[in-house]
PDB file of N, CA and C in Angstrom:
ATOM      1  N   MET A   1     -54.375 -20.002  22.879  1.00  0.00           N
ATOM      2  CA  MET A   1     -52.959 -19.947  22.808  1.00  0.00           C
ATOM      3  C   MET A   1     -52.407 -19.120  23.949  1.00  0.00           C
ATOM      4  N   ALA A   2     -52.647 -19.574  25.054  1.00  0.00           N
ATOM      5  CA  ALA A   2     -52.163 -18.911  26.240  1.00  0.00           C
ATOM      6  C   ALA A   2     -50.673 -19.129  26.421  1.00  0.00           C
ATOM      7  N   GLU A   3     -50.200 -20.185  25.817  1.00  0.00           N
ATOM      8  CA  GLU A   3     -48.782 -20.453  25.947  1.00  0.00           C
ATOM      9  C   GLU A   3     -47.994 -19.595  24.950  1.00  0.00           C
ATOM     10  N   GLN A   4     -46.944 -19.044  25.423  1.00  0.00           N
ATOM     11  CA  GLN A   4     -46.059 -18.293  24.545  1.00  0.00           C
ATOM     12  C   GLN A   4     -44.748 -19.064  24.435  1.00  0.00           C
ATOM     13  N   LEU A   5     -44.390 -19.333  23.216  1.00  0.00           N
ATOM     14  CA  LEU A   5     -43.133 -20.033  22.986  1.00  0.00           C
ATOM     15  C   LEU A   5     -42.050 -19.009  22.724  1.00  0.00           C
ATOM     16  N   GLU A   6     -41.078 -19.052  23.527  1.00  0.00           N
ATOM     17  CA  GLU A   6     -39.964 -18.117  23.337  1.00  0.00           C
ATOM     18  C   GLU A   6     -38.772 -18.907  22.806  1.00  0.00           C
ATOM     19  N   GLU A   7     -38.280 -18.469  21.667  1.00  0.00           N
ATOM     20  CA  GLU A   7     -37.142 -19.137  21.058  1.00  0.00           C
ATOM     21  C   GLU A   7     -35.876 -18.613  21.721  1.00  0.00           C
ATOM     22  N   ARG A   8     -35.025 -19.521  22.161  1.00  0.00           N
ATOM     23  CA  ARG A   8     -33.820 -19.114  22.869  1.00  0.00           C
ATOM     24  C   ARG A   8     -32.605 -19.687  22.155  1.00  0.00           C
ATOM     25  N   ALA A   9     -31.529 -18.931  22.220  1.00  0.00           N
ATOM     26  CA  ALA A   9     -30.260 -19.385  21.651  1.00  0.00           C
ATOM     27  C   ALA A   9     -29.191 -19.226  22.706  1.00  0.00           C
ATOM     28  N   GLU A  10     -28.253 -20.111  22.689  1.00  0.00           N
ATOM     29  CA  GLU A  10     -27.179 -20.044  23.671  1.00  0.00           C
ATOM     30  C   GLU A  10     -25.830 -20.075  22.952  1.00  0.00           C
ATOM     31  N   VAL A  11     -24.955 -19.212  23.391  1.00  0.00           N
ATOM     32  CA  VAL A  11     -23.587 -19.190  22.886  1.00  0.00           C
ATOM     33  C   VAL A  11     -22.682 -19.246  24.095  1.00  0.00           C
ATOM     34  N   ASP A  12     -21.798 -20.217  24.104  1.00  0.00           N
ATOM     35  CA  ASP A  12     -20.877 -20.343  25.230  1.00  0.00           C
ATOM     36  C   ASP A  12     -19.492 -20.668  24.681  1.00  0.00           C
ATOM     37  N   VAL A  13     -18.604 -19.752  24.864  1.00  0.00           N
ATOM     38  CA  VAL A  13     -17.227 -19.960  24.442  1.00  0.00           C
ATOM     39  C   VAL A  13     -16.411 -20.056  25.719  1.00  0.00           C
ATOM     40  N   SER A  14     -16.109 -21.272  26.120  1.00  0.00           N
ATOM     41  CA  SER A  14     -15.505 -21.481  27.436  1.00  0.00           C
ATOM     42  C   SER A  14     -14.050 -21.013  27.508  1.00  0.00           C
ATOM     43  N   LYS A  15     -13.322 -21.062  26.419  1.00  0.00           N
ATOM     44  CA  LYS A  15     -11.910 -20.676  26.481  1.00  0.00           C
ATOM     45  C   LYS A  15     -11.732 -19.182  26.681  1.00  0.00           C
ATOM     46  N   THR A  16     -12.630 -18.404  26.139  1.00  0.00           N
ATOM     47  CA  THR A  16     -12.486 -16.959  26.280  1.00  0.00           C
ATOM     48  C   THR A  16     -13.253 -16.423  27.472  1.00  0.00           C
ATOM     49  N   GLY A  17     -14.081 -17.222  28.066  1.00  0.00           N
ATOM     50  CA  GLY A  17     -14.842 -16.775  29.220  1.00  0.00           C
ATOM     51  C   GLY A  17     -16.074 -15.963  28.840  1.00  0.00           C
ATOM     52  N   VAL A  18     -16.433 -15.986  27.555  1.00  0.00           N
ATOM     53  CA  VAL A  18     -17.590 -15.227  27.105  1.00  0.00           C
ATOM     54  C   VAL A  18     -18.766 -16.181  27.007  1.00  0.00           C
ATOM     55  N   GLY A  19     -19.838 -15.835  27.609  1.00  0.00           N
ATOM     56  CA  GLY A  19     -21.039 -16.664  27.531  1.00  0.00           C
ATOM     57  C   GLY A  19     -22.253 -15.776  27.351  1.00  0.00           C
ATOM     58  N   PHE A  20     -23.286 -16.309  26.695  1.00  0.00           N
ATOM     59  CA  PHE A  20     -24.476 -15.508  26.453  1.00  0.00           C
ATOM     60  C   PHE A  20     -25.685 -16.423  26.383  1.00  0.00           C
ATOM     61  N   LYS A  21     -26.725 -16.060  27.068  1.00  0.00           N
ATOM     62  CA  LYS A  21     -27.993 -16.778  26.981  1.00  0.00           C
ATOM     63  C   LYS A  21     -29.074 -15.741  26.753  1.00  0.00           C
ATOM     64  N   GLY A  22     -29.807 -15.887  25.695  1.00  0.00           N
ATOM     65  CA  GLY A  22     -30.859 -14.916  25.425  1.00  0.00           C
ATOM     66  C   GLY A  22     -31.655 -15.323  24.204  1.00  0.00           C
ATOM     67  N   SER A  23     -32.532 -14.457  23.807  1.00  0.00           N
ATOM     68  CA  SER A  23     -33.375 -14.783  22.664  1.00  0.00           C
ATOM     69  C   SER A  23     -32.597 -14.630  21.364  1.00  0.00           C
ATOM     70  N   THR A  24     -33.119 -15.165  20.307  1.00  0.00           N
ATOM     71  CA  THR A  24     -32.467 -15.114  19.004  1.00  0.00           C
ATOM     72  C   THR A  24     -32.304 -13.681  18.530  1.00  0.00           C
ATOM     73  N   THR A  25     -33.261 -12.843  18.808  1.00  0.00           N
ATOM     74  CA  THR A  25     -33.196 -11.445  18.395  1.00  0.00           C
ATOM     75  C   THR A  25     -32.023 -10.746  19.075  1.00  0.00           C
ATOM     76  N   GLN A  26     -31.846 -10.991  20.356  1.00  0.00           N
ATOM     77  CA  GLN A  26     -30.728 -10.390  21.068  1.00  0.00           C
ATOM     78  C   GLN A  26     -29.392 -10.886  20.509  1.00  0.00           C
ATOM     79  N   LEU A  27     -29.335 -12.162  20.184  1.00  0.00           N
ATOM     80  CA  LEU A  27     -28.121 -12.726  19.609  1.00  0.00           C
ATOM     81  C   LEU A  27     -27.810 -12.083  18.260  1.00  0.00           C
ATOM     82  N   LEU A  28     -28.818 -11.892  17.453  1.00  0.00           N
ATOM     83  CA  LEU A  28     -28.622 -11.249  16.155  1.00  0.00           C
ATOM     84  C   LEU A  28     -28.177  -9.797  16.312  1.00  0.00           C
ATOM     85  N   ILE A  29     -28.704  -9.110  17.291  1.00  0.00           N
ATOM     86  CA  ILE A  29     -28.304  -7.722  17.538  1.00  0.00           C
ATOM     87  C   ILE A  29     -26.832  -7.671  17.942  1.00  0.00           C
ATOM     88  N   ILE A  30     -26.418  -8.570  18.797  1.00  0.00           N
ATOM     89  CA  ILE A  30     -25.028  -8.592  19.241  1.00  0.00           C
ATOM     90  C   ILE A  30     -24.098  -8.927  18.074  1.00  0.00           C
ATOM     91  N   LEU A  31     -24.451  -9.922  17.293  1.00  0.00           N
ATOM     92  CA  LEU A  31     -23.609 -10.288  16.157  1.00  0.00           C
ATOM     93  C   LEU A  31     -23.555  -9.169  15.120  1.00  0.00           C
ATOM     94  N   THR A  32     -24.672  -8.502  14.925  1.00  0.00           N
ATOM     95  CA  THR A  32     -24.705  -7.391  13.977  1.00  0.00           C
ATOM     96  C   THR A  32     -23.865  -6.222  14.476  1.00  0.00           C
ATOM     97  N   SER A  33     -23.825  -6.002  15.764  1.00  0.00           N
ATOM     98  CA  SER A  33     -23.005  -4.914  16.288  1.00  0.00           C
ATOM     99  C   SER A  33     -21.521  -5.273  16.275  1.00  0.00           C
ATOM    100  N   LEU A  34     -21.178  -6.541  16.318  1.00  0.00           N
ATOM    101  CA  LEU A  34     -19.791  -6.951  16.262  1.00  0.00           C
ATOM    102  C   LEU A  34     -19.249  -6.968  14.830  1.00  0.00           C
ATOM    103  N   LEU A  35     -20.123  -7.083  13.862  1.00  0.00           N
ATOM    104  CA  LEU A  35     -19.707  -7.156  12.468  1.00  0.00           C
ATOM    105  C   LEU A  35     -18.900  -5.933  12.014  1.00  0.00           C
ATOM    106  N   PRO A  36     -19.330  -4.692  12.312  1.00  0.00           N
ATOM    107  CA  PRO A  36     -18.506  -3.537  11.915  1.00  0.00           C
ATOM    108  C   PRO A  36     -17.134  -3.521  12.597  1.00  0.00           C
ATOM    109  N   VAL A  37     -17.065  -3.971  13.833  1.00  0.00           N
ATOM    110  CA  VAL A  37     -15.782  -4.015  14.541  1.00  0.00           C
ATOM    111  C   VAL A  37     -14.843  -5.004  13.855  1.00  0.00           C
ATOM    112  N   MET A  38     -15.378  -6.154  13.469  1.00  0.00           N
ATOM    113  CA  MET A  38     -14.566  -7.155  12.780  1.00  0.00           C
ATOM    114  C   MET A  38     -14.144  -6.641  11.403  1.00  0.00           C
ATOM    115  N   ALA A  39     -15.043  -5.977  10.702  1.00  0.00           N
ATOM    116  CA  ALA A  39     -14.716  -5.431   9.383  1.00  0.00           C
ATOM    117  C   ALA A  39     -13.628  -4.355   9.506  1.00  0.00           C
ATOM    118  N   LEU A  40     -13.744  -3.505  10.507  1.00  0.00           N
ATOM    119  CA  LEU A  40     -12.730  -2.473  10.725  1.00  0.00           C
ATOM    120  C   LEU A  40     -11.378  -3.095  11.048  1.00  0.00           C
ATOM    121  N   SER A  41     -11.382  -4.160  11.820  1.00  0.00           N
ATOM    122  CA  SER A  41     -10.132  -4.853  12.141  1.00  0.00           C
ATOM    123  C   SER A  41      -9.474  -5.406  10.881  1.00  0.00           C
ATOM    124  N   VAL A  42     -10.258  -5.982   9.997  1.00  0.00           N
ATOM    125  CA  VAL A  42      -9.719  -6.528   8.745  1.00  0.00           C
ATOM    126  C   VAL A  42      -9.163  -5.405   7.877  1.00  0.00           C
ATOM    127  N   VAL A  43      -9.883  -4.296   7.778  1.00  0.00           N
ATOM    128  CA  VAL A  43      -9.417  -3.165   6.973  1.00  0.00           C
ATOM    129  C   VAL A  43      -8.111  -2.606   7.538  1.00  0.00           C
ATOM    130  N   LEU A  44      -8.026  -2.451   8.842  1.00  0.00           N
ATOM    131  CA  LEU A  44      -6.797  -1.950   9.455  1.00  0.00           C
ATOM    132  C   LEU A  44      -5.628  -2.899   9.236  1.00  0.00           C
ATOM    133  N   TYR A  45      -5.876  -4.202   9.287  1.00  0.00           N
ATOM    134  CA  TYR A  45      -4.822  -5.182   9.031  1.00  0.00           C
ATOM    135  C   TYR A  45      -4.299  -5.035   7.605  1.00  0.00           C
ATOM    136  N   PHE A  46      -5.206  -4.908   6.626  1.00  0.00           N
ATOM    137  CA  PHE A  46      -4.772  -4.761   5.244  1.00  0.00           C
ATOM    138  C   PHE A  46      -4.038  -3.449   5.020  1.00  0.00           C
ATOM    139  N   LEU A  47      -4.436  -2.384   5.704  1.00  0.00           N
ATOM    140  CA  LEU A  47      -3.710  -1.120   5.598  1.00  0.00           C
ATOM    141  C   LEU A  47      -2.297  -1.258   6.159  1.00  0.00           C
ATOM    142  N   TYR A  48      -2.166  -1.980   7.250  1.00  0.00           N
ATOM    143  CA  TYR A  48      -0.850  -2.212   7.834  1.00  0.00           C
ATOM    144  C   TYR A  48       0.032  -3.007   6.865  1.00  0.00           C
ATOM    145  N   GLN A  49      -0.520  -4.056   6.273  1.00  0.00           N
ATOM    146  CA  GLN A  49       0.233  -4.855   5.304  1.00  0.00           C
ATOM    147  C   GLN A  49       0.632  -4.002   4.105  1.00  0.00           C
ATOM    148  N   HIS A  50      -0.275  -3.138   3.641  1.00  0.00           N
ATOM    149  CA  HIS A  50       0.001  -2.273   2.498  1.00  0.00           C
ATOM    150  C   HIS A  50       1.144  -1.313   2.829  1.00  0.00           C
ATOM    151  N   GLU A  51       1.151  -0.798   4.050  1.00  0.00           N
ATOM    152  CA  GLU A  51       2.210   0.125   4.470  1.00  0.00           C
ATOM    153  C   GLU A  51       3.569  -0.571   4.456  1.00  0.00           C
ATOM    154  N   GLN A  52       3.616  -1.823   4.916  1.00  0.00           N
ATOM    155  CA  GLN A  52       4.879  -2.570   4.924  1.00  0.00           C
ATOM    156  C   GLN A  52       5.377  -2.819   3.502  1.00  0.00           C
ATOM    157  N   SER A  53       4.465  -3.214   2.613  1.00  0.00           N
ATOM    158  CA  SER A  53       4.898  -3.484   1.238  1.00  0.00           C
ATOM    159  C   SER A  53       5.317  -2.187   0.544  1.00  0.00           C
ATOM    160  N   THR A  54       4.675  -1.079   0.893  1.00  0.00           N
ATOM    161  CA  THR A  54       5.053   0.207   0.314  1.00  0.00           C
ATOM    162  C   THR A  54       6.460   0.591   0.763  1.00  0.00           C
ATOM    163  N   ARG A  55       6.788   0.364   2.011  1.00  0.00           N
ATOM    164  CA  ARG A  55       8.142   0.645   2.505  1.00  0.00           C
ATOM    165  C   ARG A  55       9.183  -0.174   1.747  1.00  0.00           C
ATOM    166  N   ASP A  56       8.875  -1.443   1.528  1.00  0.00           N
ATOM    167  CA  ASP A  56       9.806  -2.296   0.788  1.00  0.00           C
ATOM    168  C   ASP A  56      10.003  -1.790  -0.635  1.00  0.00           C
ATOM    169  N   ARG A  57       8.921  -1.396  -1.278  1.00  0.00           N
ATOM    170  CA  ARG A  57       9.016  -0.908  -2.658  1.00  0.00           C
ATOM    171  C   ARG A  57       9.759   0.420  -2.736  1.00  0.00           C
ATOM    172  N   VAL A  58       9.584   1.271  -1.745  1.00  0.00           N
ATOM    173  CA  VAL A  58      10.309   2.548  -1.745  1.00  0.00           C
ATOM    174  C   VAL A  58      11.804   2.302  -1.589  1.00  0.00           C
ATOM    175  N   ALA A  59      12.171   1.384  -0.703  1.00  0.00           N
ATOM    176  CA  ALA A  59      13.592   1.048  -0.536  1.00  0.00           C
ATOM    177  C   ALA A  59      14.164   0.467  -1.826  1.00  0.00           C
ATOM    178  N   GLU A  60      13.379  -0.380  -2.491  1.00  0.00           N
ATOM    179  CA  GLU A  60      13.796  -0.936  -3.775  1.00  0.00           C
ATOM    180  C   GLU A  60      13.970   0.173  -4.809  1.00  0.00           C
ATOM    181  N   GLY A  61      13.059   1.129  -4.805  1.00  0.00           N
ATOM    182  CA  GLY A  61      13.125   2.249  -5.740  1.00  0.00           C
ATOM    183  C   GLY A  61      14.375   3.090  -5.530  1.00  0.00           C
ATOM    184  N   HIS A  62      14.761   3.292  -4.268  1.00  0.00           N
ATOM    185  CA  HIS A  62      15.978   4.058  -3.980  1.00  0.00           C
ATOM    186  C   HIS A  62      17.207   3.330  -4.521  1.00  0.00           C
ATOM    187  N   THR A  63      17.249   2.026  -4.356  1.00  0.00           N
ATOM    188  CA  THR A  63      18.372   1.243  -4.861  1.00  0.00           C
ATOM    189  C   THR A  63      18.454   1.335  -6.388  1.00  0.00           C
ATOM    190  N   ILE A  64      17.311   1.220  -7.040  1.00  0.00           N
ATOM    191  CA  ILE A  64      17.272   1.298  -8.498  1.00  0.00           C
ATOM    192  C   ILE A  64      17.699   2.689  -8.962  1.00  0.00           C
ATOM    193  N   ALA A  65      17.258   3.714  -8.260  1.00  0.00           N
ATOM    194  CA  ALA A  65      17.622   5.086  -8.639  1.00  0.00           C
ATOM    195  C   ALA A  65      19.134   5.302  -8.504  1.00  0.00           C
ATOM    196  N   LYS A  66      19.743   4.766  -7.441  1.00  0.00           N
ATOM    197  CA  LYS A  66      21.195   4.909  -7.264  1.00  0.00           C
ATOM    198  C   LYS A  66      21.947   4.209  -8.391  1.00  0.00           C
ATOM    199  N   GLU A  67      21.497   3.009  -8.757  1.00  0.00           N
ATOM    200  CA  GLU A  67      22.142   2.294  -9.859  1.00  0.00           C
ATOM    201  C   GLU A  67      21.975   3.066 -11.172  1.00  0.00           C
ATOM    202  N   PHE A  68      20.808   3.646 -11.368  1.00  0.00           N
ATOM    203  CA  PHE A  68      20.547   4.407 -12.585  1.00  0.00           C
ATOM    204  C   PHE A  68      21.460   5.630 -12.668  1.00  0.00           C
ATOM    205  N   VAL A  69      21.620   6.338 -11.565  1.00  0.00           N
ATOM    206  CA  VAL A  69      22.485   7.521 -11.545  1.00  0.00           C
ATOM    207  C   VAL A  69      23.932   7.127 -11.817  1.00  0.00           C
ATOM    208  N   SER A  70      24.368   6.016 -11.247  1.00  0.00           N
ATOM    209  CA  SER A  70      25.730   5.540 -11.489  1.00  0.00           C
ATOM    210  C   SER A  70      25.930   5.190 -12.969  1.00  0.00           C
ATOM    211  N   THR A  71      24.973   4.499 -13.542  1.00  0.00           N
ATOM    212  CA  THR A  71      25.059   4.139 -14.963  1.00  0.00           C
ATOM    213  C   THR A  71      25.039   5.376 -15.841  1.00  0.00           C
ATOM    214  N   LEU A  72      24.213   6.325 -15.488  1.00  0.00           N
ATOM    215  CA  LEU A  72      24.133   7.569 -16.259  1.00  0.00           C
ATOM    216  C   LEU A  72      25.462   8.329 -16.206  1.00  0.00           C
ATOM    217  N   GLY A  73      26.108   8.335 -15.047  1.00  0.00           N
ATOM    218  CA  GLY A  73      27.423   8.975 -14.911  1.00  0.00           C
ATOM    219  C   GLY A  73      28.467   8.305 -15.787  1.00  0.00           C
ATOM    220  N   ASN A  74      28.446   6.959 -15.824  1.00  0.00           N
ATOM    221  CA  ASN A  74      29.388   6.226 -16.677  1.00  0.00           C
ATOM    222  C   ASN A  74      29.134   6.511 -18.153  1.00  0.00           C
ATOM    223  N   MET A  75      27.857   6.586 -18.529  1.00  0.00           N
ATOM    224  CA  MET A  75      27.519   6.885 -19.924  1.00  0.00           C
ATOM    225  C   MET A  75      27.963   8.298 -20.301  1.00  0.00           C
ATOM    226  N   THR A  76      27.807   9.228 -19.385  1.00  0.00           N
ATOM    227  CA  THR A  76      28.228  10.607 -19.642  1.00  0.00           C
ATOM    228  C   THR A  76      29.741  10.685 -19.809  1.00  0.00           C
ATOM    229  N   ALA A  77      30.475   9.959 -18.961  1.00  0.00           N
ATOM    230  CA  ALA A  77      31.943   9.947 -19.066  1.00  0.00           C
ATOM    231  C   ALA A  77      32.372   9.361 -20.411  1.00  0.00           C
ATOM    232  N   ALA A  78      31.723   8.290 -20.845  1.00  0.00           N
ATOM    233  CA  ALA A  78      32.068   7.684 -22.136  1.00  0.00           C
ATOM    234  C   ALA A  78      31.769   8.650 -23.286  1.00  0.00           C
ATOM    235  N   GLN A  79      30.652   9.367 -23.167  1.00  0.00           N
ATOM    236  CA  GLN A  79      30.309  10.337 -24.213  1.00  0.00           C
ATOM    237  C   GLN A  79      31.327  11.490 -24.258  1.00  0.00           C
ATOM    238  N   ARG A  80      31.769  11.953 -23.090  1.00  0.00           N
ATOM    239  CA  ARG A  80      32.791  13.005 -23.044  1.00  0.00           C
ATOM    240  C   ARG A  80      34.092  12.541 -23.689  1.00  0.00           C
ATOM    241  N   GLU A  81      34.481  11.296 -23.365  1.00  0.00           N
ATOM    242  CA  GLU A  81      35.717  10.753 -23.931  1.00  0.00           C
ATOM    243  C   GLU A  81      35.621  10.664 -25.455  1.00  0.00           C
ATOM    244  N   MET A  82      34.507  10.177 -25.959  1.00  0.00           N
ATOM    245  CA  MET A  82      34.357  10.059 -27.414  1.00  0.00           C
ATOM    246  C   MET A  82      34.316  11.431 -28.086  1.00  0.00           C
ATOM    247  N   THR A  83      33.704  12.392 -27.443  1.00  0.00           N
ATOM    248  CA  THR A  83      33.671  13.745 -28.000  1.00  0.00           C
ATOM    249  C   THR A  83      35.081  14.321 -28.053  1.00  0.00           C
ATOM    250  N   CYS A  84      35.864  14.102 -27.006  1.00  0.00           N
ATOM    251  CA  CYS A  84      37.243  14.588 -26.965  1.00  0.00           C
ATOM    252  C   CYS A  84      38.080  13.911 -28.045  1.00  0.00           C
ATOM    253  N   ILE A  85      37.918  12.600 -28.203  1.00  0.00           N
ATOM    254  CA  ILE A  85      38.683  11.869 -29.216  1.00  0.00           C
ATOM    255  C   ILE A  85      38.308  12.341 -30.621  1.00  0.00           C
ATOM    256  N   MET A  86      37.024  12.587 -30.845  1.00  0.00           N
ATOM    257  CA  MET A  86      36.584  13.043 -32.168  1.00  0.00           C
ATOM    258  C   MET A  86      37.112  14.449 -32.475  1.00  0.00           C
ATOM    259  N   ALA A  87      37.420  15.213 -31.432  1.00  0.00           N
ATOM    260  CA  ALA A  87      37.936  16.565 -31.633  1.00  0.00           C
ATOM    261  C   ALA A  87      39.432  16.562 -31.975  1.00  0.00           C
ATOM    262  N   LEU A  88      40.109  15.443 -31.731  1.00  0.00           N
ATOM    263  CA  LEU A  88      41.544  15.344 -32.033  1.00  0.00           C
ATOM    264  C   LEU A  88      41.757  15.185 -33.545  1.00  0.00           C
ATOM    265  N   PRO A  89      42.935  15.520 -33.999  1.00  0.00           N
ATOM    266  CA  PRO A  89      43.263  15.268 -35.410  1.00  0.00           C
ATOM    267  C   PRO A  89      43.243  13.761 -35.687  1.00  0.00           C
ATOM    268  N   PRO A  90      42.890  13.347 -36.890  1.00  0.00           N
ATOM    269  CA  PRO A  90      42.747  11.918 -37.204  1.00  0.00           C
ATOM    270  C   PRO A  90      43.980  11.076 -36.887  1.00  0.00           C
ATOM    271  N   GLU A  91      45.169  11.606 -37.030  1.00  0.00           N
ATOM    272  CA  GLU A  91      46.374  10.813 -36.782  1.00  0.00           C
ATOM    273  C   GLU A  91      46.592  10.535 -35.285  1.00  0.00           C
ATOM    274  N   LYS A  92      46.008  11.344 -34.400  1.00  0.00           N
ATOM    275  CA  LYS A  92      46.183  11.144 -32.951  1.00  0.00           C
ATOM    276  C   LYS A  92      45.020  10.368 -32.325  1.00  0.00           C
ATOM    277  N   ARG A  93      43.923  10.181 -33.039  1.00  0.00           N
ATOM    278  CA  ARG A  93      42.724   9.547 -32.468  1.00  0.00           C
ATOM    279  C   ARG A  93      42.986   8.118 -31.996  1.00  0.00           C
ATOM    280  N   GLU A  94      43.506   7.281 -32.867  1.00  0.00           N
ATOM    281  CA  GLU A  94      43.695   5.873 -32.508  1.00  0.00           C
ATOM    282  C   GLU A  94      44.686   5.728 -31.365  1.00  0.00           C
ATOM    283  N   ARG A  95      45.737   6.479 -31.388  1.00  0.00           N
ATOM    284  CA  ARG A  95      46.732   6.421 -30.319  1.00  0.00           C
ATOM    285  C   ARG A  95      46.118   6.859 -28.992  1.00  0.00           C
ATOM    286  N   ASP A  96      45.327   7.917 -29.002  1.00  0.00           N
ATOM    287  CA  ASP A  96      44.707   8.417 -27.771  1.00  0.00           C
ATOM    288  C   ASP A  96      43.620   7.460 -27.276  1.00  0.00           C
ATOM    289  N   TYR A  97      42.906   6.827 -28.200  1.00  0.00           N
ATOM    290  CA  TYR A  97      41.838   5.895 -27.825  1.00  0.00           C
ATOM    291  C   TYR A  97      42.416   4.645 -27.159  1.00  0.00           C
ATOM    292  N   ASN A  98      43.532   4.156 -27.638  1.00  0.00           N
ATOM    293  CA  ASN A  98      44.146   2.932 -27.105  1.00  0.00           C
ATOM    294  C   ASN A  98      44.997   3.180 -25.871  1.00  0.00           C
ATOM    295  N   SER A  99      45.368   4.393 -25.596  1.00  0.00           N
ATOM    296  CA  SER A  99      46.217   4.712 -24.457  1.00  0.00           C
ATOM    297  C   SER A  99      45.423   4.637 -23.152  1.00  0.00           C
ATOM    298  N   GLU A 100      46.043   4.062 -22.115  1.00  0.00           N
ATOM    299  CA  GLU A 100      45.369   3.929 -20.815  1.00  0.00           C
ATOM    300  C   GLU A 100      45.230   5.259 -20.083  1.00  0.00           C
ATOM    301  N   ASN A 101      46.230   6.118 -20.202  1.00  0.00           N
ATOM    302  CA  ASN A 101      46.224   7.370 -19.451  1.00  0.00           C
ATOM    303  C   ASN A 101      46.229   8.554 -20.425  1.00  0.00           C
ATOM    304  N   SER A 102      45.317   8.505 -21.359  1.00  0.00           N
ATOM    305  CA  SER A 102      45.271   9.560 -22.372  1.00  0.00           C
ATOM    306  C   SER A 102      44.623  10.827 -21.808  1.00  0.00           C
ATOM    307  N   PHE A 103      44.833  11.910 -22.540  1.00  0.00           N
ATOM    308  CA  PHE A 103      44.258  13.196 -22.144  1.00  0.00           C
ATOM    309  C   PHE A 103      42.725  13.109 -22.095  1.00  0.00           C
ATOM    310  N   CYS A 104      42.126  12.487 -23.103  1.00  0.00           N
ATOM    311  CA  CYS A 104      40.668  12.403 -23.166  1.00  0.00           C
ATOM    312  C   CYS A 104      40.088  11.559 -22.029  1.00  0.00           C
ATOM    313  N   LYS A 105      40.745  10.478 -21.677  1.00  0.00           N
ATOM    314  CA  LYS A 105      40.252   9.645 -20.571  1.00  0.00           C
ATOM    315  C   LYS A 105      40.356  10.379 -19.242  1.00  0.00           C
ATOM    316  N   ARG A 106      41.408  11.144 -19.071  1.00  0.00           N
ATOM    317  CA  ARG A 106      41.545  11.933 -17.843  1.00  0.00           C
ATOM    318  C   ARG A 106      40.487  13.023 -17.769  1.00  0.00           C
ATOM    319  N   MET A 107      40.182  13.630 -18.910  1.00  0.00           N
ATOM    320  CA  MET A 107      39.173  14.700 -18.935  1.00  0.00           C
ATOM    321  C   MET A 107      37.744  14.156 -18.734  1.00  0.00           C
ATOM    322  N   ALA A 108      37.534  12.924 -19.136  1.00  0.00           N
ATOM    323  CA  ALA A 108      36.189  12.328 -19.078  1.00  0.00           C
ATOM    324  C   ALA A 108      35.831  11.759 -17.716  1.00  0.00           C
ATOM    325  N   ARG A 109      36.804  11.574 -16.840  1.00  0.00           N
ATOM    326  CA  ARG A 109      36.499  10.985 -15.526  1.00  0.00           C
ATOM    327  C   ARG A 109      35.515  11.853 -14.757  1.00  0.00           C
ATOM    328  N   PRO A 110      34.568  11.204 -14.098  1.00  0.00           N
ATOM    329  CA  PRO A 110      33.568  11.988 -13.340  1.00  0.00           C
ATOM    330  C   PRO A 110      34.140  12.636 -12.093  1.00  0.00           C
TER     331      PRO A 110
END
């Protein structure tokens, strides 16, 4: 067996200008060394996407918080008005409740 058979593999990507001719072992070494770079690229891409979606959710959260604070202020004003009306004598309650510019409504405004 004086003859030695050497297994060769060729990779030629003409559009990128990358070409390689060598043994299968060398090809496997190159592909194995490129694998972590490709994996890191995928991880960085997903981190970037996660950051964008997090920004969107934070902006959404701020909008929801503003609406919540506004609603809470309206609820507090209504509670103040009802407390003021309940503190009035019974004969003045209905009149004050139905009046547009009553004392209790003015006191309850935020």
